[in-house]
Amino acid sequence: MEDTNKGKGSKSEYIRVNLTLPDELDRVLQEMGNDARASGGYKIPKTMIMRALVRLLMQLDVDPSGVKTEDELLDRLKKAIEKNN
């Protein structure tokens, strides 16, 4: 498996993805980024948070077969996380 911890490639190595989120989820990402700055670090961009979440997804053994709704996928993700603990 390739090293997924880098995340430091040049912008030319990135692919732009349009992501639509409801206000509530966007607010969560914004607050997480701001909380990092408020606690003495740097503001974490939403794109960095999303890339980290995708890398986490790559490490989980999630079975997406037959999934038809976002809630079903969320349940599968939770189960995969529980298996890793």
PDB file of N, CA and C in Angstrom:
ATOM      1  N   MET A   1       0.850  -1.188   0.000  1.00  0.00           N
ATOM      2  CA  MET A   1       0.000   0.000   0.000  1.00  0.00           C
ATOM      3  C   MET A   1       0.887   1.240   0.000  1.00  0.00           C
ATOM      4  N   GLU A   2       0.524   2.244  -0.728  1.00  0.00           N
ATOM      5  CA  GLU A   2       1.354   3.433  -0.837  1.00  0.00           C
ATOM      6  C   GLU A   2       1.262   4.267   0.436  1.00  0.00           C
ATOM      7  N   ASP A   3       2.281   5.084   0.663  1.00  0.00           N
ATOM      8  CA  ASP A   3       2.330   5.933   1.848  1.00  0.00           C
ATOM      9  C   ASP A   3       1.259   7.015   1.737  1.00  0.00           C
ATOM     10  N   THR A   4       0.312   7.003   2.665  1.00  0.00           N
ATOM     11  CA  THR A   4      -0.784   7.971   2.621  1.00  0.00           C
ATOM     12  C   THR A   4      -0.599   9.079   3.636  1.00  0.00           C
ATOM     13  N   ASN A   5       0.541   9.129   4.290  1.00  0.00           N
ATOM     14  CA  ASN A   5       0.762  10.132   5.318  1.00  0.00           C
ATOM     15  C   ASN A   5       1.428  11.386   4.790  1.00  0.00           C
ATOM     16  N   LYS A   6       1.749  11.419   3.531  1.00  0.00           N
ATOM     17  CA  LYS A   6       2.485  12.562   2.995  1.00  0.00           C
ATOM     18  C   LYS A   6       1.606  13.804   2.987  1.00  0.00           C
ATOM     19  N   GLY A   7       0.662  13.884   2.072  1.00  0.00           N
ATOM     20  CA  GLY A   7      -0.218  15.035   2.013  1.00  0.00           C
ATOM     21  C   GLY A   7       0.508  16.340   1.737  1.00  0.00           C
ATOM     22  N   LYS A   8       1.726  16.267   1.209  1.00  0.00           N
ATOM     23  CA  LYS A   8       2.515  17.466   1.005  1.00  0.00           C
ATOM     24  C   LYS A   8       2.907  17.647  -0.452  1.00  0.00           C
ATOM     25  N   GLY A   9       2.181  17.020  -1.371  1.00  0.00           N
ATOM     26  CA  GLY A   9       2.508  17.144  -2.782  1.00  0.00           C
ATOM     27  C   GLY A   9       2.219  18.534  -3.294  1.00  0.00           C
ATOM     28  N   SER A  10       2.760  18.836  -4.457  1.00  0.00           N
ATOM     29  CA  SER A  10       2.487  20.143  -5.044  1.00  0.00           C
ATOM     30  C   SER A  10       1.033  20.191  -5.485  1.00  0.00           C
ATOM     31  N   LYS A  11       0.531  21.394  -5.612  1.00  0.00           N
ATOM     32  CA  LYS A  11      -0.882  21.541  -5.992  1.00  0.00           C
ATOM     33  C   LYS A  11      -1.181  20.908  -7.341  1.00  0.00           C
ATOM     34  N   SER A  12      -0.165  20.791  -8.210  1.00  0.00           N
ATOM     35  CA  SER A  12      -0.388  20.180  -9.515  1.00  0.00           C
ATOM     36  C   SER A  12      -0.686  18.687  -9.383  1.00  0.00           C
ATOM     37  N   GLU A  13      -0.360  18.093  -8.236  1.00  0.00           N
ATOM     38  CA  GLU A  13      -0.635  16.674  -8.002  1.00  0.00           C
ATOM     39  C   GLU A  13      -2.028  16.441  -7.432  1.00  0.00           C
ATOM     40  N   TYR A  14      -2.756  17.496  -7.167  1.00  0.00           N
ATOM     41  CA  TYR A  14      -4.079  17.394  -6.574  1.00  0.00           C
ATOM     42  C   TYR A  14      -5.153  17.481  -7.656  1.00  0.00           C
ATOM     43  N   ILE A  15      -6.256  16.840  -7.391  1.00  0.00           N
ATOM     44  CA  ILE A  15      -7.425  16.913  -8.267  1.00  0.00           C
ATOM     45  C   ILE A  15      -8.503  17.676  -7.515  1.00  0.00           C
ATOM     46  N   ARG A  16      -9.068  18.677  -8.157  1.00  0.00           N
ATOM     47  CA  ARG A  16     -10.127  19.463  -7.515  1.00  0.00           C
ATOM     48  C   ARG A  16     -11.428  18.663  -7.540  1.00  0.00           C
ATOM     49  N   VAL A  17     -12.082  18.622  -6.395  1.00  0.00           N
ATOM     50  CA  VAL A  17     -13.348  17.907  -6.253  1.00  0.00           C
ATOM     51  C   VAL A  17     -14.380  18.881  -5.705  1.00  0.00           C
ATOM     52  N   ASN A  18     -15.511  18.953  -6.357  1.00  0.00           N
ATOM     53  CA  ASN A  18     -16.610  19.765  -5.833  1.00  0.00           C
ATOM     54  C   ASN A  18     -17.372  18.946  -4.812  1.00  0.00           C
ATOM     55  N   LEU A  19     -17.535  19.496  -3.640  1.00  0.00           N
ATOM     56  CA  LEU A  19     -18.204  18.804  -2.550  1.00  0.00           C
ATOM     57  C   LEU A  19     -19.326  19.683  -2.030  1.00  0.00           C
ATOM     58  N   THR A  20     -20.522  19.158  -2.014  1.00  0.00           N
ATOM     59  CA  THR A  20     -21.639  19.917  -1.468  1.00  0.00           C
ATOM     60  C   THR A  20     -21.959  19.366  -0.084  1.00  0.00           C
ATOM     61  N   LEU A  21     -22.106  20.260   0.858  1.00  0.00           N
ATOM     62  CA  LEU A  21     -22.406  19.900   2.242  1.00  0.00           C
ATOM     63  C   LEU A  21     -23.536  20.771   2.759  1.00  0.00           C
ATOM     64  N   PRO A  22     -24.349  20.229   3.632  1.00  0.00           N
ATOM     65  CA  PRO A  22     -25.325  21.097   4.305  1.00  0.00           C
ATOM     66  C   PRO A  22     -24.575  22.046   5.248  1.00  0.00           C
ATOM     67  N   ASP A  23     -25.206  23.148   5.590  1.00  0.00           N
ATOM     68  CA  ASP A  23     -24.586  24.163   6.443  1.00  0.00           C
ATOM     69  C   ASP A  23     -24.020  23.571   7.735  1.00  0.00           C
ATOM     70  N   GLU A  24     -24.749  22.660   8.336  1.00  0.00           N
ATOM     71  CA  GLU A  24     -24.325  22.074   9.615  1.00  0.00           C
ATOM     72  C   GLU A  24     -22.966  21.379   9.493  1.00  0.00           C
ATOM     73  N   LEU A  25     -22.779  20.587   8.437  1.00  0.00           N
ATOM     74  CA  LEU A  25     -21.513  19.872   8.265  1.00  0.00           C
ATOM     75  C   LEU A  25     -20.383  20.824   7.900  1.00  0.00           C
ATOM     76  N   ASP A  26     -20.680  21.833   7.106  1.00  0.00           N
ATOM     77  CA  ASP A  26     -19.677  22.835   6.781  1.00  0.00           C
ATOM     78  C   ASP A  26     -19.235  23.569   8.042  1.00  0.00           C
ATOM     79  N   ARG A  27     -20.190  23.858   8.910  1.00  0.00           N
ATOM     80  CA  ARG A  27     -19.888  24.540  10.171  1.00  0.00           C
ATOM     81  C   ARG A  27     -18.976  23.690  11.058  1.00  0.00           C
ATOM     82  N   VAL A  28     -19.192  22.369  11.057  1.00  0.00           N
ATOM     83  CA  VAL A  28     -18.338  21.469  11.839  1.00  0.00           C
ATOM     84  C   VAL A  28     -16.899  21.550  11.354  1.00  0.00           C
ATOM     85  N   LEU A  29     -16.703  21.512  10.038  1.00  0.00           N
ATOM     86  CA  LEU A  29     -15.356  21.611   9.479  1.00  0.00           C
ATOM     87  C   LEU A  29     -14.719  22.961   9.814  1.00  0.00           C
ATOM     88  N   GLN A  30     -15.497  24.019   9.686  1.00  0.00           N
ATOM     89  CA  GLN A  30     -14.993  25.366   9.981  1.00  0.00           C
ATOM     90  C   GLN A  30     -14.590  25.474  11.445  1.00  0.00           C
ATOM     91  N   GLU A  31     -15.429  24.966  12.343  1.00  0.00           N
ATOM     92  CA  GLU A  31     -15.144  25.043  13.778  1.00  0.00           C
ATOM     93  C   GLU A  31     -13.917  24.220  14.146  1.00  0.00           C
ATOM     94  N   MET A  32     -13.752  23.052  13.533  1.00  0.00           N
ATOM     95  CA  MET A  32     -12.585  22.235  13.817  1.00  0.00           C
ATOM     96  C   MET A  32     -11.315  22.990  13.430  1.00  0.00           C
ATOM     97  N   GLY A  33     -11.338  23.614  12.281  1.00  0.00           N
ATOM     98  CA  GLY A  33     -10.189  24.392  11.837  1.00  0.00           C
ATOM     99  C   GLY A  33      -9.900  25.554  12.765  1.00  0.00           C
ATOM    100  N   ASN A  34     -10.933  26.226  13.196  1.00  0.00           N
ATOM    101  CA  ASN A  34     -10.769  27.365  14.098  1.00  0.00           C
ATOM    102  C   ASN A  34     -10.307  26.924  15.481  1.00  0.00           C
ATOM    103  N   ASP A  35     -10.799  25.788  15.958  1.00  0.00           N
ATOM    104  CA  ASP A  35     -10.407  25.276  17.277  1.00  0.00           C
ATOM    105  C   ASP A  35      -8.909  24.992  17.324  1.00  0.00           C
ATOM    106  N   ALA A  36      -8.355  24.513  16.232  1.00  0.00           N
ATOM    107  CA  ALA A  36      -6.922  24.240  16.184  1.00  0.00           C
ATOM    108  C   ALA A  36      -6.134  25.534  16.381  1.00  0.00           C
ATOM    109  N   ARG A  37      -6.583  26.596  15.750  1.00  0.00           N
ATOM    110  CA  ARG A  37      -5.897  27.890  15.882  1.00  0.00           C
ATOM    111  C   ARG A  37      -6.070  28.443  17.293  1.00  0.00           C
ATOM    112  N   ALA A  38      -7.274  28.304  17.850  1.00  0.00           N
ATOM    113  CA  ALA A  38      -7.555  28.843  19.178  1.00  0.00           C
ATOM    114  C   ALA A  38      -6.732  28.159  20.263  1.00  0.00           C
ATOM    115  N   SER A  39      -6.288  26.916  19.987  1.00  0.00           N
ATOM    116  CA  SER A  39      -5.516  26.189  20.995  1.00  0.00           C
ATOM    117  C   SER A  39      -4.011  26.281  20.747  1.00  0.00           C
ATOM    118  N   GLY A  40      -3.608  27.282  19.980  1.00  0.00           N
ATOM    119  CA  GLY A  40      -2.185  27.534  19.805  1.00  0.00           C
ATOM    120  C   GLY A  40      -1.583  27.017  18.516  1.00  0.00           C
ATOM    121  N   GLY A  41      -2.369  26.349  17.694  1.00  0.00           N
ATOM    122  CA  GLY A  41      -1.848  25.838  16.421  1.00  0.00           C
ATOM    123  C   GLY A  41      -2.230  26.756  15.280  1.00  0.00           C
ATOM    124  N   TYR A  42      -2.237  26.192  14.097  1.00  0.00           N
ATOM    125  CA  TYR A  42      -2.659  26.923  12.904  1.00  0.00           C
ATOM    126  C   TYR A  42      -4.086  26.539  12.567  1.00  0.00           C
ATOM    127  N   LYS A  43      -4.776  27.409  11.856  1.00  0.00           N
ATOM    128  CA  LYS A  43      -6.117  27.073  11.376  1.00  0.00           C
ATOM    129  C   LYS A  43      -5.980  25.930  10.369  1.00  0.00           C
ATOM    130  N   ILE A  44      -6.752  24.895  10.572  1.00  0.00           N
ATOM    131  CA  ILE A  44      -6.714  23.752   9.660  1.00  0.00           C
ATOM    132  C   ILE A  44      -7.730  24.001   8.546  1.00  0.00           C
ATOM    133  N   PRO A  45      -7.285  24.035   7.298  1.00  0.00           N
ATOM    134  CA  PRO A  45      -8.239  24.227   6.200  1.00  0.00           C
ATOM    135  C   PRO A  45      -9.190  23.033   6.068  1.00  0.00           C
ATOM    136  N   LYS A  46     -10.387  23.324   5.623  1.00  0.00           N
ATOM    137  CA  LYS A  46     -11.376  22.260   5.432  1.00  0.00           C
ATOM    138  C   LYS A  46     -10.858  21.193   4.478  1.00  0.00           C
ATOM    139  N   THR A  47     -10.108  21.593   3.472  1.00  0.00           N
ATOM    140  CA  THR A  47      -9.583  20.613   2.519  1.00  0.00           C
ATOM    141  C   THR A  47      -8.633  19.636   3.203  1.00  0.00           C
ATOM    142  N   MET A  48      -7.839  20.118   4.152  1.00  0.00           N
ATOM    143  CA  MET A  48      -6.922  19.239   4.872  1.00  0.00           C
ATOM    144  C   MET A  48      -7.691  18.237   5.723  1.00  0.00           C
ATOM    145  N   ILE A  49      -8.746  18.703   6.355  1.00  0.00           N
ATOM    146  CA  ILE A  49      -9.579  17.812   7.171  1.00  0.00           C
ATOM    147  C   ILE A  49     -10.192  16.721   6.295  1.00  0.00           C
ATOM    148  N   MET A  50     -10.702  17.115   5.138  1.00  0.00           N
ATOM    149  CA  MET A  50     -11.327  16.146   4.245  1.00  0.00           C
ATOM    150  C   MET A  50     -10.306  15.131   3.726  1.00  0.00           C
ATOM    151  N   ARG A  51      -9.094  15.586   3.380  1.00  0.00           N
ATOM    152  CA  ARG A  51      -8.062  14.650   2.916  1.00  0.00           C
ATOM    153  C   ARG A  51      -7.706  13.654   4.016  1.00  0.00           C
ATOM    154  N   ALA A  52      -7.620  14.130   5.262  1.00  0.00           N
ATOM    155  CA  ALA A  52      -7.315  13.242   6.382  1.00  0.00           C
ATOM    156  C   ALA A  52      -8.434  12.215   6.569  1.00  0.00           C
ATOM    157  N   LEU A  53      -9.676  12.637   6.396  1.00  0.00           N
ATOM    158  CA  LEU A  53     -10.807  11.709   6.531  1.00  0.00           C
ATOM    159  C   LEU A  53     -10.783  10.648   5.436  1.00  0.00           C
ATOM    160  N   VAL A  54     -10.418  11.029   4.229  1.00  0.00           N
ATOM    161  CA  VAL A  54     -10.317  10.052   3.135  1.00  0.00           C
ATOM    162  C   VAL A  54      -9.193   9.066   3.434  1.00  0.00           C
ATOM    163  N   ARG A  55      -8.070   9.557   3.966  1.00  0.00           N
ATOM    164  CA  ARG A  55      -6.973   8.653   4.334  1.00  0.00           C
ATOM    165  C   ARG A  55      -7.407   7.678   5.425  1.00  0.00           C
ATOM    166  N   LEU A  56      -8.196   8.160   6.378  1.00  0.00           N
ATOM    167  CA  LEU A  56      -8.734   7.280   7.417  1.00  0.00           C
ATOM    168  C   LEU A  56      -9.632   6.222   6.793  1.00  0.00           C
ATOM    169  N   LEU A  57     -10.467   6.612   5.865  1.00  0.00           N
ATOM    170  CA  LEU A  57     -11.343   5.688   5.164  1.00  0.00           C
ATOM    171  C   LEU A  57     -10.539   4.600   4.462  1.00  0.00           C
ATOM    172  N   MET A  58      -9.394   4.980   3.895  1.00  0.00           N
ATOM    173  CA  MET A  58      -8.539   4.007   3.214  1.00  0.00           C
ATOM    174  C   MET A  58      -7.994   2.953   4.182  1.00  0.00           C
ATOM    175  N   GLN A  59      -7.859   3.302   5.448  1.00  0.00           N
ATOM    176  CA  GLN A  59      -7.306   2.383   6.440  1.00  0.00           C
ATOM    177  C   GLN A  59      -8.361   1.477   7.061  1.00  0.00           C
ATOM    178  N   LEU A  60      -9.621   1.830   6.894  1.00  0.00           N
ATOM    179  CA  LEU A  60     -10.708   1.040   7.467  1.00  0.00           C
ATOM    180  C   LEU A  60     -11.164  -0.037   6.487  1.00  0.00           C
ATOM    181  N   ASP A  61     -11.645  -1.125   7.025  1.00  0.00           N
ATOM    182  CA  ASP A  61     -12.182  -2.202   6.193  1.00  0.00           C
ATOM    183  C   ASP A  61     -13.698  -2.028   6.118  1.00  0.00           C
ATOM    184  N   VAL A  62     -14.135  -1.142   5.216  1.00  0.00           N
ATOM    185  CA  VAL A  62     -15.560  -0.825   5.077  1.00  0.00           C
ATOM    186  C   VAL A  62     -16.125  -1.602   3.903  1.00  0.00           C
ATOM    187  N   ASP A  63     -17.233  -2.290   4.146  1.00  0.00           N
ATOM    188  CA  ASP A  63     -17.907  -3.029   3.079  1.00  0.00           C
ATOM    189  C   ASP A  63     -19.026  -2.156   2.516  1.00  0.00           C
ATOM    190  N   PRO A  64     -18.820  -1.542   1.351  1.00  0.00           N
ATOM    191  CA  PRO A  64     -19.835  -0.654   0.788  1.00  0.00           C
ATOM    192  C   PRO A  64     -20.899  -1.379  -0.042  1.00  0.00           C
ATOM    193  N   SER A  65     -20.786  -2.699  -0.172  1.00  0.00           N
ATOM    194  CA  SER A  65     -21.714  -3.426  -1.050  1.00  0.00           C
ATOM    195  C   SER A  65     -23.156  -3.291  -0.561  1.00  0.00           C
ATOM    196  N   GLY A  66     -24.016  -2.955  -1.475  1.00  0.00           N
ATOM    197  CA  GLY A  66     -25.437  -2.860  -1.192  1.00  0.00           C
ATOM    198  C   GLY A  66     -25.875  -1.589  -0.495  1.00  0.00           C
ATOM    199  N   VAL A  67     -24.970  -0.680  -0.213  1.00  0.00           N
ATOM    200  CA  VAL A  67     -25.329   0.564   0.476  1.00  0.00           C
ATOM    201  C   VAL A  67     -26.169   1.431  -0.454  1.00  0.00           C
ATOM    202  N   LYS A  68     -27.287   1.933   0.081  1.00  0.00           N
ATOM    203  CA  LYS A  68     -28.179   2.762  -0.729  1.00  0.00           C
ATOM    204  C   LYS A  68     -28.400   4.153  -0.150  1.00  0.00           C
ATOM    205  N   THR A  69     -28.063   4.346   1.121  1.00  0.00           N
ATOM    206  CA  THR A  69     -28.285   5.654   1.738  1.00  0.00           C
ATOM    207  C   THR A  69     -27.049   6.103   2.509  1.00  0.00           C
ATOM    208  N   GLU A  70     -26.996   7.377   2.767  1.00  0.00           N
ATOM    209  CA  GLU A  70     -25.894   7.944   3.550  1.00  0.00           C
ATOM    210  C   GLU A  70     -25.886   7.371   4.967  1.00  0.00           C
ATOM    211  N   ASP A  71     -27.076   7.168   5.533  1.00  0.00           N
ATOM    212  CA  ASP A  71     -27.160   6.592   6.878  1.00  0.00           C
ATOM    213  C   ASP A  71     -26.626   5.165   6.919  1.00  0.00           C
ATOM    214  N   GLU A  72     -26.906   4.391   5.880  1.00  0.00           N
ATOM    215  CA  GLU A  72     -26.353   3.031   5.803  1.00  0.00           C
ATOM    216  C   GLU A  72     -24.833   3.064   5.759  1.00  0.00           C
ATOM    217  N   LEU A  73     -24.293   3.972   4.965  1.00  0.00           N
ATOM    218  CA  LEU A  73     -22.843   4.097   4.868  1.00  0.00           C
ATOM    219  C   LEU A  73     -22.257   4.523   6.204  1.00  0.00           C
ATOM    220  N   LEU A  74     -22.902   5.436   6.880  1.00  0.00           N
ATOM    221  CA  LEU A  74     -22.440   5.877   8.192  1.00  0.00           C
ATOM    222  C   LEU A  74     -22.411   4.708   9.176  1.00  0.00           C
ATOM    223  N   ASP A  75     -23.440   3.872   9.156  1.00  0.00           N
ATOM    224  CA  ASP A  75     -23.467   2.684  10.025  1.00  0.00           C
ATOM    225  C   ASP A  75     -22.306   1.746   9.709  1.00  0.00           C
ATOM    226  N   ARG A  76     -22.021   1.553   8.429  1.00  0.00           N
ATOM    227  CA  ARG A  76     -20.902   0.678   8.034  1.00  0.00           C
ATOM    228  C   ARG A  76     -19.569   1.249   8.502  1.00  0.00           C
ATOM    229  N   LEU A  77     -19.437   2.565   8.387  1.00  0.00           N
ATOM    230  CA  LEU A  77     -18.213   3.217   8.846  1.00  0.00           C
ATOM    231  C   LEU A  77     -18.025   3.043  10.353  1.00  0.00           C
ATOM    232  N   LYS A  78     -19.111   3.230  11.103  1.00  0.00           N
ATOM    233  CA  LYS A  78     -19.046   3.052  12.559  1.00  0.00           C
ATOM    234  C   LYS A  78     -18.638   1.630  12.918  1.00  0.00           C
ATOM    235  N   LYS A  79     -19.194   0.653  12.227  1.00  0.00           N
ATOM    236  CA  LYS A  79     -18.857  -0.748  12.494  1.00  0.00           C
ATOM    237  C   LYS A  79     -17.389  -1.014  12.189  1.00  0.00           C
ATOM    238  N   ALA A  80     -16.891  -0.445  11.101  1.00  0.00           N
ATOM    239  CA  ALA A  80     -15.488  -0.631  10.732  1.00  0.00           C
ATOM    240  C   ALA A  80     -14.565  -0.018  11.782  1.00  0.00           C
ATOM    241  N   ILE A  81     -14.951   1.121  12.318  1.00  0.00           N
ATOM    242  CA  ILE A  81     -14.148   1.756  13.363  1.00  0.00           C
ATOM    243  C   ILE A  81     -14.167   0.923  14.633  1.00  0.00           C
ATOM    244  N   GLU A  82     -15.337   0.396  14.992  1.00  0.00           N
ATOM    245  CA  GLU A  82     -15.445  -0.452  16.186  1.00  0.00           C
ATOM    246  C   GLU A  82     -14.577  -1.700  16.045  1.00  0.00           C
ATOM    247  N   LYS A  83     -14.515  -2.278  14.838  1.00  0.00           N
ATOM    248  CA  LYS A  83     -13.683  -3.458  14.606  1.00  0.00           C
ATOM    249  C   LYS A  83     -12.215  -3.160  14.807  1.00  0.00           C
ATOM    250  N   ASN A  84     -11.800  -1.928  14.510  1.00  0.00           N
ATOM    251  CA  ASN A  84     -10.393  -1.551  14.644  1.00  0.00           C
ATOM    252  C   ASN A  84      -9.986  -1.250  16.085  1.00  0.00           C
ATOM    253  N   ASN A  85     -10.948  -1.123  16.975  1.00  0.00           N
ATOM    254  CA  ASN A  85     -10.623  -0.803  18.380  1.00  0.00           C
ATOM    255  C   ASN A  85     -10.417  -2.024  19.201  1.00  0.00           C
TER     256      ASN A  85
END
